[in-house]
Amino acid sequence: MRAGEGGLTLIEVTLSIVVLAVGVLGAAGMQLRALQASEQARGHSQAAWLAQGWLERMRAGSGVGPIDQSRWQAELKRTLGDAAEGNVRRDVERVQIEVRWGRVQGDGPLIVSLQGRVER
């Protein structure tokens, strides 16, 4: 090679490929985290929607018997997965509805809790 000629050596090419690979892997990792966060947000929205629907049924005073609650539990499992379950606690005027489903890596289940007033 002459002194005035420019070019890339094998070391430079290898180094640029390594830098590019690290960048691509980082972008792929961020995409995976974004998909997981999107899935969690979808589950939270669906759980809140199902809990709100049950609360509205209780406020209306119709469709809240044991058979209806079994159907609601089945809908939770269909929508959020087999680990999903809903608990309803009621006192004289207040209702607390809690929906649990799934797991976050090593943490406990995901939970949506909703409280409201219900007239008798």
PDB file of N, CA and C in Angstrom:
ATOM      1  N   MET A   1       0.829  -1.158   0.000  1.00  0.00           N
ATOM      2  CA  MET A   1       0.000   0.000   0.000  1.00  0.00           C
ATOM      3  C   MET A   1       0.889   1.241   0.000  1.00  0.00           C
ATOM      4  N   ARG A   2       0.509   2.219  -0.717  1.00  0.00           N
ATOM      5  CA  ARG A   2       1.283   3.453  -0.770  1.00  0.00           C
ATOM      6  C   ARG A   2       0.931   4.348   0.401  1.00  0.00           C
ATOM      7  N   ALA A   3       1.799   5.228   0.704  1.00  0.00           N
ATOM      8  CA  ALA A   3       1.620   6.116   1.855  1.00  0.00           C
ATOM      9  C   ALA A   3       0.422   7.042   1.692  1.00  0.00           C
ATOM     10  N   GLY A   4       0.068   7.444   0.513  1.00  0.00           N
ATOM     11  CA  GLY A   4      -1.023   8.387   0.294  1.00  0.00           C
ATOM     12  C   GLY A   4      -2.401   7.721   0.201  1.00  0.00           C
ATOM     13  N   GLU A   5      -2.444   6.407   0.059  1.00  0.00           N
ATOM     14  CA  GLU A   5      -3.720   5.718  -0.089  1.00  0.00           C
ATOM     15  C   GLU A   5      -4.410   5.563   1.263  1.00  0.00           C
ATOM     16  N   GLY A   6      -5.716   5.726   1.253  1.00  0.00           N
ATOM     17  CA  GLY A   6      -6.488   5.523   2.480  1.00  0.00           C
ATOM     18  C   GLY A   6      -7.317   4.267   2.342  1.00  0.00           C
ATOM     19  N   GLY A   7      -7.601   3.631   3.425  1.00  0.00           N
ATOM     20  CA  GLY A   7      -8.416   2.429   3.407  1.00  0.00           C
ATOM     21  C   GLY A   7      -8.700   1.970   4.819  1.00  0.00           C
ATOM     22  N   LEU A   8      -9.538   0.987   4.944  1.00  0.00           N
ATOM     23  CA  LEU A   8      -9.887   0.455   6.247  1.00  0.00           C
ATOM     24  C   LEU A   8      -9.136  -0.840   6.499  1.00  0.00           C
ATOM     25  N   THR A   9      -8.668  -0.979   7.684  1.00  0.00           N
ATOM     26  CA  THR A   9      -8.007  -2.231   8.044  1.00  0.00           C
ATOM     27  C   THR A   9      -9.045  -3.203   8.569  1.00  0.00           C
ATOM     28  N   LEU A  10      -8.650  -4.433   8.684  1.00  0.00           N
ATOM     29  CA  LEU A  10      -9.542  -5.471   9.180  1.00  0.00           C
ATOM     30  C   LEU A  10      -9.993  -5.168  10.607  1.00  0.00           C
ATOM     31  N   ILE A  11      -9.126  -4.601  11.419  1.00  0.00           N
ATOM     32  CA  ILE A  11      -9.467  -4.266  12.806  1.00  0.00           C
ATOM     33  C   ILE A  11     -10.542  -3.184  12.845  1.00  0.00           C
ATOM     34  N   GLU A  12     -10.446  -2.194  12.002  1.00  0.00           N
ATOM     35  CA  GLU A  12     -11.442  -1.126  11.970  1.00  0.00           C
ATOM     36  C   GLU A  12     -12.806  -1.649  11.535  1.00  0.00           C
ATOM     37  N   VAL A  13     -12.814  -2.497  10.513  1.00  0.00           N
ATOM     38  CA  VAL A  13     -14.066  -3.083  10.028  1.00  0.00           C
ATOM     39  C   VAL A  13     -14.702  -3.947  11.116  1.00  0.00           C
ATOM     40  N   THR A  14     -13.904  -4.770  11.782  1.00  0.00           N
ATOM     41  CA  THR A  14     -14.420  -5.632  12.854  1.00  0.00           C
ATOM     42  C   THR A  14     -14.985  -4.794  13.990  1.00  0.00           C
ATOM     43  N   LEU A  15     -14.280  -3.751  14.370  1.00  0.00           N
ATOM     44  CA  LEU A  15     -14.744  -2.886  15.448  1.00  0.00           C
ATOM     45  C   LEU A  15     -16.062  -2.207  15.085  1.00  0.00           C
ATOM     46  N   SER A  16     -16.203  -1.752  13.862  1.00  0.00           N
ATOM     47  CA  SER A  16     -17.455  -1.104  13.451  1.00  0.00           C
ATOM     48  C   SER A  16     -18.612  -2.100  13.422  1.00  0.00           C
ATOM     49  N   ILE A  17     -18.362  -3.348  13.061  1.00  0.00           N
ATOM     50  CA  ILE A  17     -19.403  -4.380  13.082  1.00  0.00           C
ATOM     51  C   ILE A  17     -19.835  -4.668  14.518  1.00  0.00           C
ATOM     52  N   VAL A  18     -18.886  -4.715  15.440  1.00  0.00           N
ATOM     53  CA  VAL A  18     -19.213  -4.950  16.852  1.00  0.00           C
ATOM     54  C   VAL A  18     -20.058  -3.809  17.396  1.00  0.00           C
ATOM     55  N   VAL A  19     -19.687  -2.570  17.087  1.00  0.00           N
ATOM     56  CA  VAL A  19     -20.458  -1.410  17.562  1.00  0.00           C
ATOM     57  C   VAL A  19     -21.869  -1.455  16.985  1.00  0.00           C
ATOM     58  N   LEU A  20     -22.006  -1.768  15.729  1.00  0.00           N
ATOM     59  CA  LEU A  20     -23.319  -1.873  15.095  1.00  0.00           C
ATOM     60  C   LEU A  20     -24.147  -2.983  15.738  1.00  0.00           C
ATOM     61  N   ALA A  21     -23.541  -4.132  16.013  1.00  0.00           N
ATOM     62  CA  ALA A  21     -24.254  -5.251  16.634  1.00  0.00           C
ATOM     63  C   ALA A  21     -24.759  -4.881  18.030  1.00  0.00           C
ATOM     64  N   VAL A  22     -23.942  -4.185  18.807  1.00  0.00           N
ATOM     65  CA  VAL A  22     -24.367  -3.761  20.145  1.00  0.00           C
ATOM     66  C   VAL A  22     -25.563  -2.820  20.045  1.00  0.00           C
ATOM     67  N   GLY A  23     -25.527  -1.910  19.094  1.00  0.00           N
ATOM     68  CA  GLY A  23     -26.646  -0.990  18.890  1.00  0.00           C
ATOM     69  C   GLY A  23     -27.924  -1.703  18.495  1.00  0.00           C
ATOM     70  N   VAL A  24     -27.828  -2.652  17.599  1.00  0.00           N
ATOM     71  CA  VAL A  24     -29.003  -3.409  17.145  1.00  0.00           C
ATOM     72  C   VAL A  24     -29.574  -4.246  18.289  1.00  0.00           C
ATOM     73  N   LEU A  25     -28.710  -4.889  19.085  1.00  0.00           N
ATOM     74  CA  LEU A  25     -29.187  -5.677  20.220  1.00  0.00           C
ATOM     75  C   LEU A  25     -29.852  -4.792  21.262  1.00  0.00           C
ATOM     76  N   GLY A  26     -29.317  -3.610  21.497  1.00  0.00           N
ATOM     77  CA  GLY A  26     -29.936  -2.675  22.430  1.00  0.00           C
ATOM     78  C   GLY A  26     -31.316  -2.252  21.964  1.00  0.00           C
ATOM     79  N   ALA A  27     -31.459  -1.973  20.687  1.00  0.00           N
ATOM     80  CA  ALA A  27     -32.756  -1.591  20.131  1.00  0.00           C
ATOM     81  C   ALA A  27     -33.753  -2.749  20.231  1.00  0.00           C
ATOM     82  N   ALA A  28     -33.296  -3.967  19.990  1.00  0.00           N
ATOM     83  CA  ALA A  28     -34.180  -5.132  20.107  1.00  0.00           C
ATOM     84  C   ALA A  28     -34.637  -5.328  21.554  1.00  0.00           C
ATOM     85  N   GLY A  29     -33.736  -5.106  22.507  1.00  0.00           N
ATOM     86  CA  GLY A  29     -34.101  -5.215  23.916  1.00  0.00           C
ATOM     87  C   GLY A  29     -35.130  -4.180  24.315  1.00  0.00           C
ATOM     88  N   MET A  30     -34.979  -2.958  23.823  1.00  0.00           N
ATOM     89  CA  MET A  30     -35.960  -1.910  24.118  1.00  0.00           C
ATOM     90  C   MET A  30     -37.314  -2.242  23.498  1.00  0.00           C
ATOM     91  N   GLN A  31     -37.322  -2.814  22.323  1.00  0.00           N
ATOM     92  CA  GLN A  31     -38.571  -3.205  21.674  1.00  0.00           C
ATOM     93  C   GLN A  31     -39.288  -4.281  22.488  1.00  0.00           C
ATOM     94  N   LEU A  32     -38.533  -5.238  23.013  1.00  0.00           N
ATOM     95  CA  LEU A  32     -39.123  -6.290  23.839  1.00  0.00           C
ATOM     96  C   LEU A  32     -39.755  -5.709  25.097  1.00  0.00           C
ATOM     97  N   ARG A  33     -39.053  -4.795  25.773  1.00  0.00           N
ATOM     98  CA  ARG A  33     -39.597  -4.150  26.980  1.00  0.00           C
ATOM     99  C   ARG A  33     -40.854  -3.347  26.653  1.00  0.00           C
ATOM    100  N   ALA A  34     -40.869  -2.689  25.500  1.00  0.00           N
ATOM    101  CA  ALA A  34     -42.045  -1.917  25.092  1.00  0.00           C
ATOM    102  C   ALA A  34     -43.241  -2.841  24.865  1.00  0.00           C
ATOM    103  N   LEU A  35     -43.017  -3.993  24.268  1.00  0.00           N
ATOM    104  CA  LEU A  35     -44.103  -4.955  24.060  1.00  0.00           C
ATOM    105  C   LEU A  35     -44.631  -5.487  25.387  1.00  0.00           C
ATOM    106  N   GLN A  36     -43.738  -5.772  26.339  1.00  0.00           N
ATOM    107  CA  GLN A  36     -44.174  -6.241  27.655  1.00  0.00           C
ATOM    108  C   GLN A  36     -44.984  -5.171  28.376  1.00  0.00           C
ATOM    109  N   ALA A  37     -44.539  -3.937  28.322  1.00  0.00           N
ATOM    110  CA  ALA A  37     -45.272  -2.846  28.971  1.00  0.00           C
ATOM    111  C   ALA A  37     -46.636  -2.645  28.326  1.00  0.00           C
ATOM    112  N   SER A  38     -46.699  -2.790  27.023  1.00  0.00           N
ATOM    113  CA  SER A  38     -47.971  -2.664  26.303  1.00  0.00           C
ATOM    114  C   SER A  38     -48.944  -3.762  26.721  1.00  0.00           C
ATOM    115  N   GLU A  39     -48.449  -4.972  26.876  1.00  0.00           N
ATOM    116  CA  GLU A  39     -49.284  -6.099  27.308  1.00  0.00           C
ATOM    117  C   GLU A  39     -49.794  -5.886  28.734  1.00  0.00           C
ATOM    118  N   GLN A  40     -48.939  -5.385  29.613  1.00  0.00           N
ATOM    119  CA  GLN A  40     -49.374  -5.091  30.981  1.00  0.00           C
ATOM    120  C   GLN A  40     -50.446  -4.014  30.990  1.00  0.00           C
ATOM    121  N   ALA A  41     -50.262  -2.978  30.201  1.00  0.00           N
ATOM    122  CA  ALA A  41     -51.247  -1.893  30.135  1.00  0.00           C
ATOM    123  C   ALA A  41     -52.582  -2.407  29.604  1.00  0.00           C
ATOM    124  N   ARG A  42     -52.533  -3.288  28.623  1.00  0.00           N
ATOM    125  CA  ARG A  42     -53.768  -3.880  28.095  1.00  0.00           C
ATOM    126  C   ARG A  42     -54.496  -4.665  29.177  1.00  0.00           C
ATOM    127  N   GLY A  43     -53.738  -5.457  29.944  1.00  0.00           N
ATOM    128  CA  GLY A  43     -54.339  -6.227  31.034  1.00  0.00           C
ATOM    129  C   GLY A  43     -54.950  -5.333  32.099  1.00  0.00           C
ATOM    130  N   HIS A  44     -54.258  -4.249  32.466  1.00  0.00           N
ATOM    131  CA  HIS A  44     -54.801  -3.323  33.452  1.00  0.00           C
ATOM    132  C   HIS A  44     -56.107  -2.690  32.952  1.00  0.00           C
ATOM    133  N   SER A  45     -56.127  -2.307  31.698  1.00  0.00           N
ATOM    134  CA  SER A  45     -57.335  -1.700  31.129  1.00  0.00           C
ATOM    135  C   SER A  45     -58.500  -2.680  31.145  1.00  0.00           C
ATOM    136  N   GLN A  46     -58.246  -3.911  30.742  1.00  0.00           N
ATOM    137  CA  GLN A  46     -59.314  -4.907  30.709  1.00  0.00           C
ATOM    138  C   GLN A  46     -59.801  -5.240  32.121  1.00  0.00           C
ATOM    139  N   ALA A  47     -58.878  -5.353  33.076  1.00  0.00           N
ATOM    140  CA  ALA A  47     -59.267  -5.649  34.459  1.00  0.00           C
ATOM    141  C   ALA A  47     -60.113  -4.514  35.030  1.00  0.00           C
ATOM    142  N   ALA A  48     -59.714  -3.273  34.775  1.00  0.00           N
ATOM    143  CA  ALA A  48     -60.476  -2.125  35.265  1.00  0.00           C
ATOM    144  C   ALA A  48     -61.858  -2.080  34.616  1.00  0.00           C
ATOM    145  N   TRP A  49     -61.920  -2.388  33.338  1.00  0.00           N
ATOM    146  CA  TRP A  49     -63.196  -2.400  32.630  1.00  0.00           C
ATOM    147  C   TRP A  49     -64.136  -3.464  33.199  1.00  0.00           C
ATOM    148  N   LEU A  50     -63.614  -4.663  33.457  1.00  0.00           N
ATOM    149  CA  LEU A  50     -64.433  -5.743  34.013  1.00  0.00           C
ATOM    150  C   LEU A  50     -64.883  -5.426  35.445  1.00  0.00           C
ATOM    151  N   ALA A  51     -63.997  -4.850  36.256  1.00  0.00           N
ATOM    152  CA  ALA A  51     -64.360  -4.473  37.622  1.00  0.00           C
ATOM    153  C   ALA A  51     -65.415  -3.373  37.610  1.00  0.00           C
ATOM    154  N   GLN A  52     -65.253  -2.386  36.748  1.00  0.00           N
ATOM    155  CA  GLN A  52     -66.230  -1.290  36.651  1.00  0.00           C
ATOM    156  C   GLN A  52     -67.586  -1.824  36.201  1.00  0.00           C
ATOM    157  N   GLY A  53     -67.585  -2.765  35.274  1.00  0.00           N
ATOM    158  CA  GLY A  53     -68.842  -3.369  34.831  1.00  0.00           C
ATOM    159  C   GLY A  53     -69.566  -4.073  35.965  1.00  0.00           C
ATOM    160  N   TRP A  54     -68.817  -4.788  36.805  1.00  0.00           N
ATOM    161  CA  TRP A  54     -69.432  -5.474  37.935  1.00  0.00           C
ATOM    162  C   TRP A  54     -69.981  -4.459  38.947  1.00  0.00           C
ATOM    163  N   LEU A  55     -69.245  -3.390  39.194  1.00  0.00           N
ATOM    164  CA  LEU A  55     -69.709  -2.348  40.111  1.00  0.00           C
ATOM    165  C   LEU A  55     -70.990  -1.706  39.585  1.00  0.00           C
ATOM    166  N   GLU A  56     -71.052  -1.439  38.299  1.00  0.00           N
ATOM    167  CA  GLU A  56     -72.262  -0.848  37.718  1.00  0.00           C
ATOM    168  C   GLU A  56     -73.453  -1.801  37.832  1.00  0.00           C
ATOM    169  N   ARG A  57     -73.220  -3.096  37.681  1.00  0.00           N
ATOM    170  CA  ARG A  57     -74.296  -4.071  37.878  1.00  0.00           C
ATOM    171  C   ARG A  57     -74.812  -4.021  39.313  1.00  0.00           C
ATOM    172  N   MET A  58     -73.883  -3.907  40.271  1.00  0.00           N
ATOM    173  CA  MET A  58     -74.280  -3.842  41.674  1.00  0.00           C
ATOM    174  C   MET A  58     -75.073  -2.562  41.942  1.00  0.00           C
ATOM    175  N   ARG A  59     -74.667  -1.458  41.345  1.00  0.00           N
ATOM    176  CA  ARG A  59     -75.399  -0.203  41.515  1.00  0.00           C
ATOM    177  C   ARG A  59     -76.795  -0.303  40.920  1.00  0.00           C
ATOM    178  N   ALA A  60     -76.921  -1.007  39.809  1.00  0.00           N
ATOM    179  CA  ALA A  60     -78.226  -1.170  39.170  1.00  0.00           C
ATOM    180  C   ALA A  60     -79.095  -2.156  39.936  1.00  0.00           C
ATOM    181  N   GLY A  61     -78.456  -3.005  40.750  1.00  0.00           N
ATOM    182  CA  GLY A  61     -79.214  -3.960  41.563  1.00  0.00           C
ATOM    183  C   GLY A  61     -79.701  -5.170  40.808  1.00  0.00           C
ATOM    184  N   SER A  62     -79.157  -5.421  39.633  1.00  0.00           N
ATOM    185  CA  SER A  62     -79.588  -6.595  38.874  1.00  0.00           C
ATOM    186  C   SER A  62     -78.377  -7.379  38.406  1.00  0.00           C
ATOM    187  N   GLY A  63     -78.549  -8.672  38.298  1.00  0.00           N
ATOM    188  CA  GLY A  63     -77.490  -9.516  37.755  1.00  0.00           C
ATOM    189  C   GLY A  63     -76.272  -9.638  38.640  1.00  0.00           C
ATOM    190  N   VAL A  64     -76.468  -9.738  39.971  1.00  0.00           N
ATOM    191  CA  VAL A  64     -75.324  -9.865  40.870  1.00  0.00           C
ATOM    192  C   VAL A  64     -75.451 -11.079  41.790  1.00  0.00           C
ATOM    193  N   GLY A  65     -76.219 -12.077  41.378  1.00  0.00           N
ATOM    194  CA  GLY A  65     -76.361 -13.290  42.173  1.00  0.00           C
ATOM    195  C   GLY A  65     -75.154 -14.209  42.007  1.00  0.00           C
ATOM    196  N   PRO A  66     -75.183 -15.353  42.695  1.00  0.00           N
ATOM    197  CA  PRO A  66     -74.056 -16.298  42.624  1.00  0.00           C
ATOM    198  C   PRO A  66     -73.759 -16.798  41.207  1.00  0.00           C
ATOM    199  N   ILE A  67     -74.795 -17.035  40.428  1.00  0.00           N
ATOM    200  CA  ILE A  67     -74.584 -17.498  39.052  1.00  0.00           C
ATOM    201  C   ILE A  67     -73.917 -16.397  38.227  1.00  0.00           C
ATOM    202  N   ASP A  68     -74.385 -15.163  38.425  1.00  0.00           N
ATOM    203  CA  ASP A  68     -73.788 -14.030  37.703  1.00  0.00           C
ATOM    204  C   ASP A  68     -72.333 -13.830  38.106  1.00  0.00           C
ATOM    205  N   GLN A  69     -72.045 -14.017  39.393  1.00  0.00           N
ATOM    206  CA  GLN A  69     -70.662 -13.860  39.850  1.00  0.00           C
ATOM    207  C   GLN A  69     -69.779 -14.964  39.257  1.00  0.00           C
ATOM    208  N   SER A  70     -70.319 -16.171  39.123  1.00  0.00           N
ATOM    209  CA  SER A  70     -69.557 -17.255  38.476  1.00  0.00           C
ATOM    210  C   SER A  70     -69.260 -16.916  37.018  1.00  0.00           C
ATOM    211  N   ARG A  71     -70.227 -16.327  36.342  1.00  0.00           N
ATOM    212  CA  ARG A  71     -70.013 -15.919  34.948  1.00  0.00           C
ATOM    213  C   ARG A  71     -68.954 -14.823  34.858  1.00  0.00           C
ATOM    214  N   TRP A  72     -68.997 -13.891  35.821  1.00  0.00           N
ATOM    215  CA  TRP A  72     -68.005 -12.816  35.859  1.00  0.00           C
ATOM    216  C   TRP A  72     -66.605 -13.389  36.073  1.00  0.00           C
ATOM    217  N   GLN A  73     -66.493 -14.358  37.009  1.00  0.00           N
ATOM    218  CA  GLN A  73     -65.198 -15.010  37.256  1.00  0.00           C
ATOM    219  C   GLN A  73     -64.701 -15.708  35.982  1.00  0.00           C
ATOM    220  N   ALA A  74     -65.613 -16.377  35.274  1.00  0.00           N
ATOM    221  CA  ALA A  74     -65.237 -17.060  34.027  1.00  0.00           C
ATOM    222  C   ALA A  74     -64.776 -16.052  32.971  1.00  0.00           C
ATOM    223  N   GLU A  75     -65.447 -14.899  32.925  1.00  0.00           N
ATOM    224  CA  GLU A  75     -65.045 -13.866  31.970  1.00  0.00           C
ATOM    225  C   GLU A  75     -63.663 -13.303  32.311  1.00  0.00           C
ATOM    226  N   LEU A  76     -63.383 -13.162  33.605  1.00  0.00           N
ATOM    227  CA  LEU A  76     -62.048 -12.728  34.027  1.00  0.00           C
ATOM    228  C   LEU A  76     -60.991 -13.702  33.533  1.00  0.00           C
ATOM    229  N   LYS A  77     -61.234 -14.992  33.710  1.00  0.00           N
ATOM    230  CA  LYS A  77     -60.271 -16.012  33.289  1.00  0.00           C
ATOM    231  C   LYS A  77     -60.100 -16.027  31.775  1.00  0.00           C
ATOM    232  N   ARG A  78     -61.203 -15.872  31.045  1.00  0.00           N
ATOM    233  CA  ARG A  78     -61.129 -15.841  29.586  1.00  0.00           C
ATOM    234  C   ARG A  78     -60.333 -14.634  29.095  1.00  0.00           C
ATOM    235  N   THR A  79     -60.546 -13.500  29.741  1.00  0.00           N
ATOM    236  CA  THR A  79     -59.931 -12.258  29.282  1.00  0.00           C
ATOM    237  C   THR A  79     -58.490 -12.094  29.744  1.00  0.00           C
ATOM    238  N   LEU A  80     -58.223 -12.440  31.028  1.00  0.00           N
ATOM    239  CA  LEU A  80     -56.920 -12.148  31.636  1.00  0.00           C
ATOM    240  C   LEU A  80     -56.054 -13.382  31.845  1.00  0.00           C
ATOM    241  N   GLY A  81     -56.584 -14.570  31.605  1.00  0.00           N
ATOM    242  CA  GLY A  81     -55.807 -15.792  31.785  1.00  0.00           C
ATOM    243  C   GLY A  81     -56.341 -16.625  32.937  1.00  0.00           C
ATOM    244  N   ASP A  82     -55.899 -17.868  32.996  1.00  0.00           N
ATOM    245  CA  ASP A  82     -56.416 -18.821  33.986  1.00  0.00           C
ATOM    246  C   ASP A  82     -56.110 -18.443  35.428  1.00  0.00           C
ATOM    247  N   ALA A  83     -55.086 -17.647  35.663  1.00  0.00           N
ATOM    248  CA  ALA A  83     -54.724 -17.263  37.027  1.00  0.00           C
ATOM    249  C   ALA A  83     -55.578 -16.102  37.544  1.00  0.00           C
ATOM    250  N   ALA A  84     -56.432 -15.532  36.698  1.00  0.00           N
ATOM    251  CA  ALA A  84     -57.218 -14.364  37.100  1.00  0.00           C
ATOM    252  C   ALA A  84     -58.319 -14.752  38.081  1.00  0.00           C
ATOM    253  N   GLU A  85     -58.542 -13.864  39.035  1.00  0.00           N
ATOM    254  CA  GLU A  85     -59.644 -14.055  39.982  1.00  0.00           C
ATOM    255  C   GLU A  85     -60.116 -12.694  40.462  1.00  0.00           C
ATOM    256  N   GLY A  86     -61.379 -12.628  40.811  1.00  0.00           N
ATOM    257  CA  GLY A  86     -61.954 -11.383  41.304  1.00  0.00           C
ATOM    258  C   GLY A  86     -62.560 -11.591  42.676  1.00  0.00           C
ATOM    259  N   ASN A  87     -62.372 -10.610  43.545  1.00  0.00           N
ATOM    260  CA  ASN A  87     -62.947 -10.639  44.889  1.00  0.00           C
ATOM    261  C   ASN A  87     -63.814  -9.405  45.068  1.00  0.00           C
ATOM    262  N   VAL A  88     -64.980  -9.616  45.669  1.00  0.00           N
ATOM    263  CA  VAL A  88     -65.898  -8.519  45.932  1.00  0.00           C
ATOM    264  C   VAL A  88     -66.175  -8.494  47.427  1.00  0.00           C
ATOM    265  N   ARG A  89     -65.882  -7.354  48.059  1.00  0.00           N
ATOM    266  CA  ARG A  89     -66.198  -7.161  49.480  1.00  0.00           C
ATOM    267  C   ARG A  89     -67.209  -6.049  49.586  1.00  0.00           C
ATOM    268  N   ARG A  90     -68.257  -6.314  50.334  1.00  0.00           N
ATOM    269  CA  ARG A  90     -69.331  -5.333  50.432  1.00  0.00           C
ATOM    270  C   ARG A  90     -69.737  -5.138  51.881  1.00  0.00           C
ATOM    271  N   ASP A  91     -69.904  -3.874  52.269  1.00  0.00           N
ATOM    272  CA  ASP A  91     -70.528  -3.587  53.553  1.00  0.00           C
ATOM    273  C   ASP A  91     -71.829  -2.845  53.254  1.00  0.00           C
ATOM    274  N   VAL A  92     -72.321  -2.078  54.192  1.00  0.00           N
ATOM    275  CA  VAL A  92     -73.642  -1.462  54.027  1.00  0.00           C
ATOM    276  C   VAL A  92     -73.729  -0.598  52.765  1.00  0.00           C
ATOM    277  N   GLU A  93     -72.798   0.321  52.587  1.00  0.00           N
ATOM    278  CA  GLU A  93     -72.880   1.234  51.452  1.00  0.00           C
ATOM    279  C   GLU A  93     -71.698   1.153  50.492  1.00  0.00           C
ATOM    280  N   ARG A  94     -70.620   0.513  50.889  1.00  0.00           N
ATOM    281  CA  ARG A  94     -69.406   0.519  50.071  1.00  0.00           C
ATOM    282  C   ARG A  94     -69.110  -0.868  49.514  1.00  0.00           C
ATOM    283  N   VAL A  95     -68.483  -0.864  48.350  1.00  0.00           N
ATOM    284  CA  VAL A  95     -68.070  -2.098  47.690  1.00  0.00           C
ATOM    285  C   VAL A  95     -66.615  -1.933  47.274  1.00  0.00           C
ATOM    286  N   GLN A  96     -65.831  -2.974  47.500  1.00  0.00           N
ATOM    287  CA  GLN A  96     -64.461  -2.994  46.994  1.00  0.00           C
ATOM    288  C   GLN A  96     -64.325  -4.212  46.094  1.00  0.00           C
ATOM    289  N   ILE A  97     -63.915  -3.965  44.874  1.00  0.00           N
ATOM    290  CA  ILE A  97     -63.713  -5.028  43.887  1.00  0.00           C
ATOM    291  C   ILE A  97     -62.227  -5.075  43.571  1.00  0.00           C
ATOM    292  N   GLU A  98     -61.671  -6.273  43.656  1.00  0.00           N
ATOM    293  CA  GLU A  98     -60.242  -6.468  43.392  1.00  0.00           C
ATOM    294  C   GLU A  98     -60.085  -7.568  42.352  1.00  0.00           C
ATOM    295  N   VAL A  99     -59.325  -7.278  41.314  1.00  0.00           N
ATOM    296  CA  VAL A  99     -59.043  -8.257  40.261  1.00  0.00           C
ATOM    297  C   VAL A  99     -57.542  -8.525  40.278  1.00  0.00           C
ATOM    298  N   ARG A 100     -57.172  -9.812  40.358  1.00  0.00           N
ATOM    299  CA  ARG A 100     -55.766 -10.235  40.352  1.00  0.00           C
ATOM    300  C   ARG A 100     -55.540 -11.149  39.154  1.00  0.00           C
ATOM    301  N   TRP A 101     -54.383 -10.987  38.526  1.00  0.00           N
ATOM    302  CA  TRP A 101     -54.033 -11.855  37.399  1.00  0.00           C
ATOM    303  C   TRP A 101     -52.541 -11.783  37.152  1.00  0.00           C
ATOM    304  N   GLY A 102     -52.029 -12.755  36.427  1.00  0.00           N
ATOM    305  CA  GLY A 102     -50.653 -12.783  35.952  1.00  0.00           C
ATOM    306  C   GLY A 102     -49.597 -12.526  37.006  1.00  0.00           C
ATOM    307  N   ARG A 103     -48.381 -12.416  36.551  1.00  0.00           N
ATOM    308  CA  ARG A 103     -47.234 -12.121  37.413  1.00  0.00           C
ATOM    309  C   ARG A 103     -46.254 -11.255  36.638  1.00  0.00           C
ATOM    310  N   VAL A 104     -45.583 -10.401  37.378  1.00  0.00           N
ATOM    311  CA  VAL A 104     -44.485  -9.628  36.811  1.00  0.00           C
ATOM    312  C   VAL A 104     -43.219 -10.296  37.297  1.00  0.00           C
ATOM    313  N   GLN A 105     -42.290 -10.562  36.416  1.00  0.00           N
ATOM    314  CA  GLN A 105     -41.057 -11.297  36.689  1.00  0.00           C
ATOM    315  C   GLN A 105     -40.631 -11.243  38.156  1.00  0.00           C
ATOM    316  N   GLY A 106     -40.947 -12.296  38.897  1.00  0.00           N
ATOM    317  CA  GLY A 106     -40.520 -12.424  40.282  1.00  0.00           C
ATOM    318  C   GLY A 106     -41.407 -11.715  41.288  1.00  0.00           C
ATOM    319  N   ASP A 107     -42.231 -10.776  40.832  1.00  0.00           N
ATOM    320  CA  ASP A 107     -43.129 -10.076  41.748  1.00  0.00           C
ATOM    321  C   ASP A 107     -44.433 -10.854  41.880  1.00  0.00           C
ATOM    322  N   GLY A 108     -45.312 -10.340  42.686  1.00  0.00           N
ATOM    323  CA  GLY A 108     -46.616 -10.967  42.873  1.00  0.00           C
ATOM    324  C   GLY A 108     -47.530 -10.695  41.689  1.00  0.00           C
ATOM    325  N   PRO A 109     -48.801 -11.034  41.846  1.00  0.00           N
ATOM    326  CA  PRO A 109     -49.757 -10.841  40.749  1.00  0.00           C
ATOM    327  C   PRO A 109     -50.033  -9.362  40.504  1.00  0.00           C
ATOM    328  N   LEU A 110     -50.524  -9.074  39.323  1.00  0.00           N
ATOM    329  CA  LEU A 110     -50.979  -7.729  38.996  1.00  0.00           C
ATOM    330  C   LEU A 110     -52.350  -7.537  39.630  1.00  0.00           C
ATOM    331  N   ILE A 111     -52.630  -6.350  40.133  1.00  0.00           N
ATOM    332  CA  ILE A 111     -53.875  -6.105  40.871  1.00  0.00           C
ATOM    333  C   ILE A 111     -54.498  -4.795  40.415  1.00  0.00           C
ATOM    334  N   VAL A 112     -55.815  -4.836  40.216  1.00  0.00           N
ATOM    335  CA  VAL A 112     -56.611  -3.629  40.019  1.00  0.00           C
ATOM    336  C   VAL A 112     -57.661  -3.640  41.124  1.00  0.00           C
ATOM    337  N   SER A 113     -57.742  -2.540  41.865  1.00  0.00           N
ATOM    338  CA  SER A 113     -58.693  -2.424  42.960  1.00  0.00           C
ATOM    339  C   SER A 113     -59.600  -1.239  42.708  1.00  0.00           C
ATOM    340  N   LEU A 114     -60.899  -1.441  42.911  1.00  0.00           N
ATOM    341  CA  LEU A 114     -61.892  -0.418  42.626  1.00  0.00           C
ATOM    342  C   LEU A 114     -62.842  -0.323  43.807  1.00  0.00           C
ATOM    343  N   GLN A 115     -63.136   0.879  44.239  1.00  0.00           N
ATOM    344  CA  GLN A 115     -64.080   1.076  45.343  1.00  0.00           C
ATOM    345  C   GLN A 115     -65.210   1.979  44.874  1.00  0.00           C
ATOM    346  N   GLY A 116     -66.381   1.753  45.452  1.00  0.00           N
ATOM    347  CA  GLY A 116     -67.514   2.597  45.093  1.00  0.00           C
ATOM    348  C   GLY A 116     -68.626   2.481  46.113  1.00  0.00           C
ATOM    349  N   ARG A 117     -69.584   3.372  45.979  1.00  0.00           N
ATOM    350  CA  ARG A 117     -70.772   3.349  46.835  1.00  0.00           C
ATOM    351  C   ARG A 117     -71.887   2.623  46.134  1.00  0.00           C
ATOM    352  N   VAL A 118     -72.646   1.867  46.912  1.00  0.00           N
ATOM    353  CA  VAL A 118     -73.806   1.161  46.365  1.00  0.00           C
ATOM    354  C   VAL A 118     -74.972   1.389  47.316  1.00  0.00           C
ATOM    355  N   GLU A 119     -76.056   1.896  46.785  1.00  0.00           N
ATOM    356  CA  GLU A 119     -77.267   2.104  47.572  1.00  0.00           C
ATOM    357  C   GLU A 119     -77.993   0.776  47.713  1.00  0.00           C
ATOM    358  N   ARG A 120     -78.599   0.574  48.830  1.00  0.00           N
ATOM    359  CA  ARG A 120     -79.385  -0.661  49.009  1.00  0.00           C
ATOM    360  C   ARG A 120     -80.777  -0.481  48.514  1.00  0.00           C
TER     361      ARG A 120
END
